[in-house]
Amino acid sequence: MVRSALTNKAGAQMTAGPVAGASFIPVATVLAGSALATLPIVSVTGWWPNAGFLMLIAWRLLRADAWPIWWAAPMGFVNDLITGAPIGLSVSLWTSVMLAMELIDQRSQWRDYWIEWGIAALLITVDRWADWAIAGLSGAPVAFVRILPGIAFGILAFPIAAMIVSRIERWRWGRR
């Protein structure tokens, strides 16, 4: 009885179902975002956002169950290798971001678009500030004003990353 309710007259199923390897697509998109750092874009001020971090935040805000929290560490390690950041910077930042977002999920009853954008803005600012602080400790002191365009561009680029992630999510589960 139930199976017959899920099929139409021609015998085809009503939904297509998830694509093959659907559980690995979020990780692949985060790593593809990290790989954007290899594009030949020259900048004096560092305005280019960490696209891997934007994708991580977008996936985590869209689906809390996309991956376990501990997956942030290996993805952060790959991001450090690709971007040339000190090894462990993205590992610790991304893991702490995932833990903080888990805490936010436990404490909040609901979130709308503006709250998610505010959370993303805060996390992007903390990420850029940590990058700036570690660069200063490594012997590359830069005035804080120089990272403000990167923070602003990252915050403004987050809705684009969220839109890309939501489109990939619809494709991933066969809801074309």
C-alpha atoms as a PDB file:
ATOM      1  CA  MET A   1       0.000   0.000   0.000  1.00  0.00           C
ATOM      2  CA  VAL A   2       2.729   2.496   0.973  1.00  0.00           C
ATOM      3  CA  ARG A   3       4.841   1.720  -2.074  1.00  0.00           C
ATOM      4  CA  SER A   4       1.948   2.194  -4.357  1.00  0.00           C
ATOM      5  CA  ALA A   5       1.343   5.619  -2.824  1.00  0.00           C
ATOM      6  CA  LEU A   6       4.916   6.616  -3.675  1.00  0.00           C
ATOM      7  CA  THR A   7       4.691   5.706  -7.343  1.00  0.00           C
ATOM      8  CA  ASN A   8       2.751   7.306 -10.117  1.00  0.00           C
ATOM      9  CA  LYS A   9       0.763   5.478 -12.788  1.00  0.00           C
ATOM     10  CA  ALA A  10       3.845   4.844 -14.931  1.00  0.00           C
ATOM     11  CA  GLY A  11       5.635   3.226 -11.981  1.00  0.00           C
ATOM     12  CA  ALA A  12       8.308   5.917 -11.518  1.00  0.00           C
ATOM     13  CA  GLN A  13       9.163   7.194  -8.069  1.00  0.00           C
ATOM     14  CA  MET A  14       8.060  10.677  -7.079  1.00  0.00           C
ATOM     15  CA  THR A  15      11.515  11.781  -5.880  1.00  0.00           C
ATOM     16  CA  ALA A  16      14.890  11.185  -7.404  1.00  0.00           C
ATOM     17  CA  GLY A  17      16.684  10.685  -4.074  1.00  0.00           C
ATOM     18  CA  PRO A  18      20.193  11.744  -3.132  1.00  0.00           C
ATOM     19  CA  VAL A  19      23.021  11.731  -5.629  1.00  0.00           C
ATOM     20  CA  ALA A  20      25.828   9.216  -5.253  1.00  0.00           C
ATOM     21  CA  GLY A  21      28.351  10.317  -2.629  1.00  0.00           C
ATOM     22  CA  ALA A  22      25.978  12.912  -1.183  1.00  0.00           C
ATOM     23  CA  SER A  23      27.651  12.796   2.229  1.00  0.00           C
ATOM     24  CA  PHE A  24      31.002  13.925   0.803  1.00  0.00           C
ATOM     25  CA  ILE A  25      29.717  16.882  -1.204  1.00  0.00           C
ATOM     26  CA  PRO A  26      29.806  19.392   1.713  1.00  0.00           C
ATOM     27  CA  VAL A  27      33.444  18.529   2.430  1.00  0.00           C
ATOM     28  CA  ALA A  28      34.323  18.740  -1.260  1.00  0.00           C
ATOM     29  CA  THR A  29      32.747  22.191  -1.554  1.00  0.00           C
ATOM     30  CA  VAL A  30      34.622  23.483   1.509  1.00  0.00           C
ATOM     31  CA  LEU A  31      37.906  22.168   0.111  1.00  0.00           C
ATOM     32  CA  ALA A  32      37.078  23.628  -3.303  1.00  0.00           C
ATOM     33  CA  GLY A  33      36.485  26.962  -1.569  1.00  0.00           C
ATOM     34  CA  SER A  34      39.887  26.634   0.086  1.00  0.00           C
ATOM     35  CA  ALA A  35      41.415  25.888  -3.314  1.00  0.00           C
ATOM     36  CA  LEU A  36      40.219  29.288  -4.561  1.00  0.00           C
ATOM     37  CA  ALA A  37      43.201  30.694  -2.646  1.00  0.00           C
ATOM     38  CA  THR A  38      45.432  29.294  -5.386  1.00  0.00           C
ATOM     39  CA  LEU A  39      43.945  31.634  -7.993  1.00  0.00           C
ATOM     40  CA  PRO A  40      46.452  34.215  -9.227  1.00  0.00           C
ATOM     41  CA  ILE A  41      44.869  37.244  -7.525  1.00  0.00           C
ATOM     42  CA  VAL A  42      47.367  39.860  -6.392  1.00  0.00           C
ATOM     43  CA  SER A  43      46.295  42.191  -3.600  1.00  0.00           C
ATOM     44  CA  VAL A  44      48.117  44.625  -1.341  1.00  0.00           C
ATOM     45  CA  THR A  45      45.413  44.790   1.324  1.00  0.00           C
ATOM     46  CA  GLY A  46      44.277  41.149   1.440  1.00  0.00           C
ATOM     47  CA  TRP A  47      40.655  41.797   0.545  1.00  0.00           C
ATOM     48  CA  TRP A  48      40.032  38.258  -0.736  1.00  0.00           C
ATOM     49  CA  PRO A  49      37.988  36.304   1.852  1.00  0.00           C
ATOM     50  CA  ASN A  50      38.791  32.779   2.942  1.00  0.00           C
ATOM     51  CA  ALA A  51      36.246  31.053   0.702  1.00  0.00           C
ATOM     52  CA  GLY A  52      36.735  27.718   2.437  1.00  0.00           C
ATOM     53  CA  PHE A  53      35.814  29.318   5.757  1.00  0.00           C
ATOM     54  CA  LEU A  54      32.775  30.986   4.172  1.00  0.00           C
ATOM     55  CA  MET A  55      31.624  27.632   2.803  1.00  0.00           C
ATOM     56  CA  LEU A  56      32.197  25.970   6.184  1.00  0.00           C
ATOM     57  CA  ILE A  57      30.046  28.575   7.932  1.00  0.00           C
ATOM     58  CA  ALA A  58      27.370  28.412   5.234  1.00  0.00           C
ATOM     59  CA  TRP A  59      27.134  24.615   5.397  1.00  0.00           C
ATOM     60  CA  ARG A  60      27.068  24.627   9.197  1.00  0.00           C
ATOM     61  CA  LEU A  61      24.338  27.270   9.345  1.00  0.00           C
ATOM     62  CA  LEU A  62      22.269  25.470   6.697  1.00  0.00           C
ATOM     63  CA  ARG A  63      22.662  21.938   8.035  1.00  0.00           C
ATOM     64  CA  ALA A  64      24.018  21.179  11.467  1.00  0.00           C
ATOM     65  CA  ASP A  65      24.237  17.501  10.545  1.00  0.00           C
ATOM     66  CA  ALA A  66      26.285  17.896   7.356  1.00  0.00           C
ATOM     67  CA  TRP A  67      29.311  16.426   9.142  1.00  0.00           C
ATOM     68  CA  PRO A  68      30.520  15.727  12.680  1.00  0.00           C
ATOM     69  CA  ILE A  69      32.284  18.514  14.574  1.00  0.00           C
ATOM     70  CA  TRP A  70      35.661  16.773  14.442  1.00  0.00           C
ATOM     71  CA  TRP A  71      35.743  17.007  10.630  1.00  0.00           C
ATOM     72  CA  ALA A  72      36.637  20.685  11.035  1.00  0.00           C
ATOM     73  CA  ALA A  73      40.179  19.736  12.101  1.00  0.00           C
ATOM     74  CA  PRO A  74      41.167  17.780   8.947  1.00  0.00           C
ATOM     75  CA  MET A  75      39.451  20.328   6.710  1.00  0.00           C
ATOM     76  CA  GLY A  76      41.301  23.129   8.542  1.00  0.00           C
ATOM     77  CA  PHE A  77      44.577  21.238   8.074  1.00  0.00           C
ATOM     78  CA  VAL A  78      43.985  20.996   4.329  1.00  0.00           C
ATOM     79  CA  ASN A  79      43.057  24.694   4.283  1.00  0.00           C
ATOM     80  CA  ASP A  80      46.334  25.531   6.054  1.00  0.00           C
ATOM     81  CA  LEU A  81      48.275  23.493   3.496  1.00  0.00           C
ATOM     82  CA  ILE A  82      46.528  25.109   0.538  1.00  0.00           C
ATOM     83  CA  THR A  83      46.549  28.722   1.760  1.00  0.00           C
ATOM     84  CA  GLY A  84      50.035  28.698   3.270  1.00  0.00           C
ATOM     85  CA  ALA A  85      48.800  29.720   6.718  1.00  0.00           C
ATOM     86  CA  PRO A  86      50.710  28.468   9.762  1.00  0.00           C
ATOM     87  CA  ILE A  87      49.817  24.826  10.300  1.00  0.00           C
ATOM     88  CA  GLY A  88      47.234  24.607  13.036  1.00  0.00           C
ATOM     89  CA  LEU A  89      45.696  28.056  12.570  1.00  0.00           C
ATOM     90  CA  SER A  90      42.679  26.894  10.582  1.00  0.00           C
ATOM     91  CA  VAL A  91      42.598  23.629  12.511  1.00  0.00           C
ATOM     92  CA  SER A  92      42.076  25.443  15.806  1.00  0.00           C
ATOM     93  CA  LEU A  93      39.896  28.227  14.379  1.00  0.00           C
ATOM     94  CA  TRP A  94      37.580  25.975  12.421  1.00  0.00           C
ATOM     95  CA  THR A  95      37.214  23.529  15.304  1.00  0.00           C
ATOM     96  CA  SER A  96      36.427  26.329  17.759  1.00  0.00           C
ATOM     97  CA  VAL A  97      33.947  27.815  15.267  1.00  0.00           C
ATOM     98  CA  MET A  98      32.168  24.474  14.934  1.00  0.00           C
ATOM     99  CA  LEU A  99      32.023  24.145  18.733  1.00  0.00           C
ATOM    100  CA  ALA A 100      30.718  27.708  19.083  1.00  0.00           C
ATOM    101  CA  MET A 101      28.066  27.088  16.447  1.00  0.00           C
ATOM    102  CA  GLU A 102      27.012  23.924  18.253  1.00  0.00           C
ATOM    103  CA  LEU A 103      26.613  25.984  21.414  1.00  0.00           C
ATOM    104  CA  ILE A 104      24.588  28.597  19.530  1.00  0.00           C
ATOM    105  CA  ASP A 105      22.338  25.836  18.157  1.00  0.00           C
ATOM    106  CA  GLN A 106      21.736  24.476  21.651  1.00  0.00           C
ATOM    107  CA  ARG A 107      20.955  27.910  23.110  1.00  0.00           C
ATOM    108  CA  SER A 108      18.746  29.355  20.387  1.00  0.00           C
ATOM    109  CA  GLN A 109      15.235  28.255  19.532  1.00  0.00           C
ATOM    110  CA  TRP A 110      15.136  29.736  16.041  1.00  0.00           C
ATOM    111  CA  ARG A 111      17.200  31.834  13.665  1.00  0.00           C
ATOM    112  CA  ASP A 112      16.254  33.912  10.681  1.00  0.00           C
ATOM    113  CA  TYR A 113      18.352  35.174   7.797  1.00  0.00           C
ATOM    114  CA  TRP A 114      19.577  38.308   9.590  1.00  0.00           C
ATOM    115  CA  ILE A 115      20.642  36.450  12.709  1.00  0.00           C
ATOM    116  CA  GLU A 116      22.578  33.946  10.612  1.00  0.00           C
ATOM    117  CA  TRP A 117      24.249  36.792   8.722  1.00  0.00           C
ATOM    118  CA  GLY A 118      25.154  38.403  12.053  1.00  0.00           C
ATOM    119  CA  ILE A 119      26.618  35.132  13.338  1.00  0.00           C
ATOM    120  CA  ALA A 120      28.593  34.758  10.120  1.00  0.00           C
ATOM    121  CA  ALA A 121      29.798  38.391  10.367  1.00  0.00           C
ATOM    122  CA  LEU A 122      31.038  37.791  13.895  1.00  0.00           C
ATOM    123  CA  LEU A 123      32.804  34.566  12.926  1.00  0.00           C
ATOM    124  CA  ILE A 124      34.393  36.133   9.828  1.00  0.00           C
ATOM    125  CA  THR A 125      35.642  39.048  11.938  1.00  0.00           C
ATOM    126  CA  VAL A 126      37.116  36.685  14.535  1.00  0.00           C
ATOM    127  CA  ASP A 127      38.779  34.639  11.780  1.00  0.00           C
ATOM    128  CA  ARG A 128      40.367  37.678  10.140  1.00  0.00           C
ATOM    129  CA  TRP A 129      41.402  39.076  13.524  1.00  0.00           C
ATOM    130  CA  ALA A 130      43.075  35.765  14.449  1.00  0.00           C
ATOM    131  CA  ASP A 131      44.895  35.724  11.101  1.00  0.00           C
ATOM    132  CA  TRP A 132      46.061  39.293  11.777  1.00  0.00           C
ATOM    133  CA  ALA A 133      47.194  38.471  15.338  1.00  0.00           C
ATOM    134  CA  ILE A 134      49.131  35.365  14.274  1.00  0.00           C
ATOM    135  CA  ALA A 135      50.785  37.322  11.441  1.00  0.00           C
ATOM    136  CA  GLY A 136      51.849  39.953  13.982  1.00  0.00           C
ATOM    137  CA  LEU A 137      53.285  37.291  16.276  1.00  0.00           C
ATOM    138  CA  SER A 138      55.124  35.748  13.332  1.00  0.00           C
ATOM    139  CA  GLY A 139      56.946  38.990  12.613  1.00  0.00           C
ATOM    140  CA  ALA A 140      54.700  40.507   9.967  1.00  0.00           C
ATOM    141  CA  PRO A 141      53.097  43.437  11.776  1.00  0.00           C
ATOM    142  CA  VAL A 142      50.271  45.004   9.791  1.00  0.00           C
ATOM    143  CA  ALA A 143      48.046  47.850  10.886  1.00  0.00           C
ATOM    144  CA  PHE A 144      44.572  46.642  11.856  1.00  0.00           C
ATOM    145  CA  VAL A 145      43.033  49.108   9.403  1.00  0.00           C
ATOM    146  CA  ARG A 146      44.558  47.078   6.559  1.00  0.00           C
ATOM    147  CA  ILE A 147      42.371  44.049   7.327  1.00  0.00           C
ATOM    148  CA  LEU A 148      39.080  45.970   7.457  1.00  0.00           C
ATOM    149  CA  PRO A 149      38.414  45.650   3.672  1.00  0.00           C
ATOM    150  CA  GLY A 150      38.870  41.890   3.963  1.00  0.00           C
ATOM    151  CA  ILE A 151      36.414  41.726   6.854  1.00  0.00           C
ATOM    152  CA  ALA A 152      33.850  43.833   4.977  1.00  0.00           C
ATOM    153  CA  PHE A 153      34.241  41.854   1.761  1.00  0.00           C
ATOM    154  CA  GLY A 154      33.941  38.550   3.631  1.00  0.00           C
ATOM    155  CA  ILE A 155      30.759  39.692   5.377  1.00  0.00           C
ATOM    156  CA  LEU A 156      29.275  40.895   2.096  1.00  0.00           C
ATOM    157  CA  ALA A 157      30.310  37.684   0.313  1.00  0.00           C
ATOM    158  CA  PHE A 158      28.633  35.418   2.867  1.00  0.00           C
ATOM    159  CA  PRO A 159      25.124  35.614   1.325  1.00  0.00           C
ATOM    160  CA  ILE A 160      26.606  34.488  -1.996  1.00  0.00           C
ATOM    161  CA  ALA A 161      28.273  31.523  -0.291  1.00  0.00           C
ATOM    162  CA  ALA A 162      25.007  30.704   1.502  1.00  0.00           C
ATOM    163  CA  MET A 163      23.115  30.812  -1.798  1.00  0.00           C
ATOM    164  CA  ILE A 164      25.664  28.515  -3.469  1.00  0.00           C
ATOM    165  CA  VAL A 165      25.460  26.078  -0.562  1.00  0.00           C
ATOM    166  CA  SER A 166      21.655  26.040  -0.601  1.00  0.00           C
ATOM    167  CA  ARG A 167      21.627  25.331  -4.348  1.00  0.00           C
ATOM    168  CA  ILE A 168      24.159  22.529  -3.908  1.00  0.00           C
ATOM    169  CA  GLU A 169      22.060  21.144  -1.053  1.00  0.00           C
ATOM    170  CA  ARG A 170      18.936  21.050  -3.227  1.00  0.00           C
ATOM    171  CA  TRP A 171      20.862  19.280  -5.989  1.00  0.00           C
ATOM    172  CA  ARG A 172      22.522  16.931  -3.500  1.00  0.00           C
ATOM    173  CA  TRP A 173      19.212  15.577  -2.202  1.00  0.00           C
ATOM    174  CA  GLY A 174      17.571  15.395  -5.604  1.00  0.00           C
ATOM    175  CA  ARG A 175      15.150  18.311  -5.110  1.00  0.00           C
ATOM    176  CA  ARG A 176      15.804  19.932  -8.436  1.00  0.00           C
END
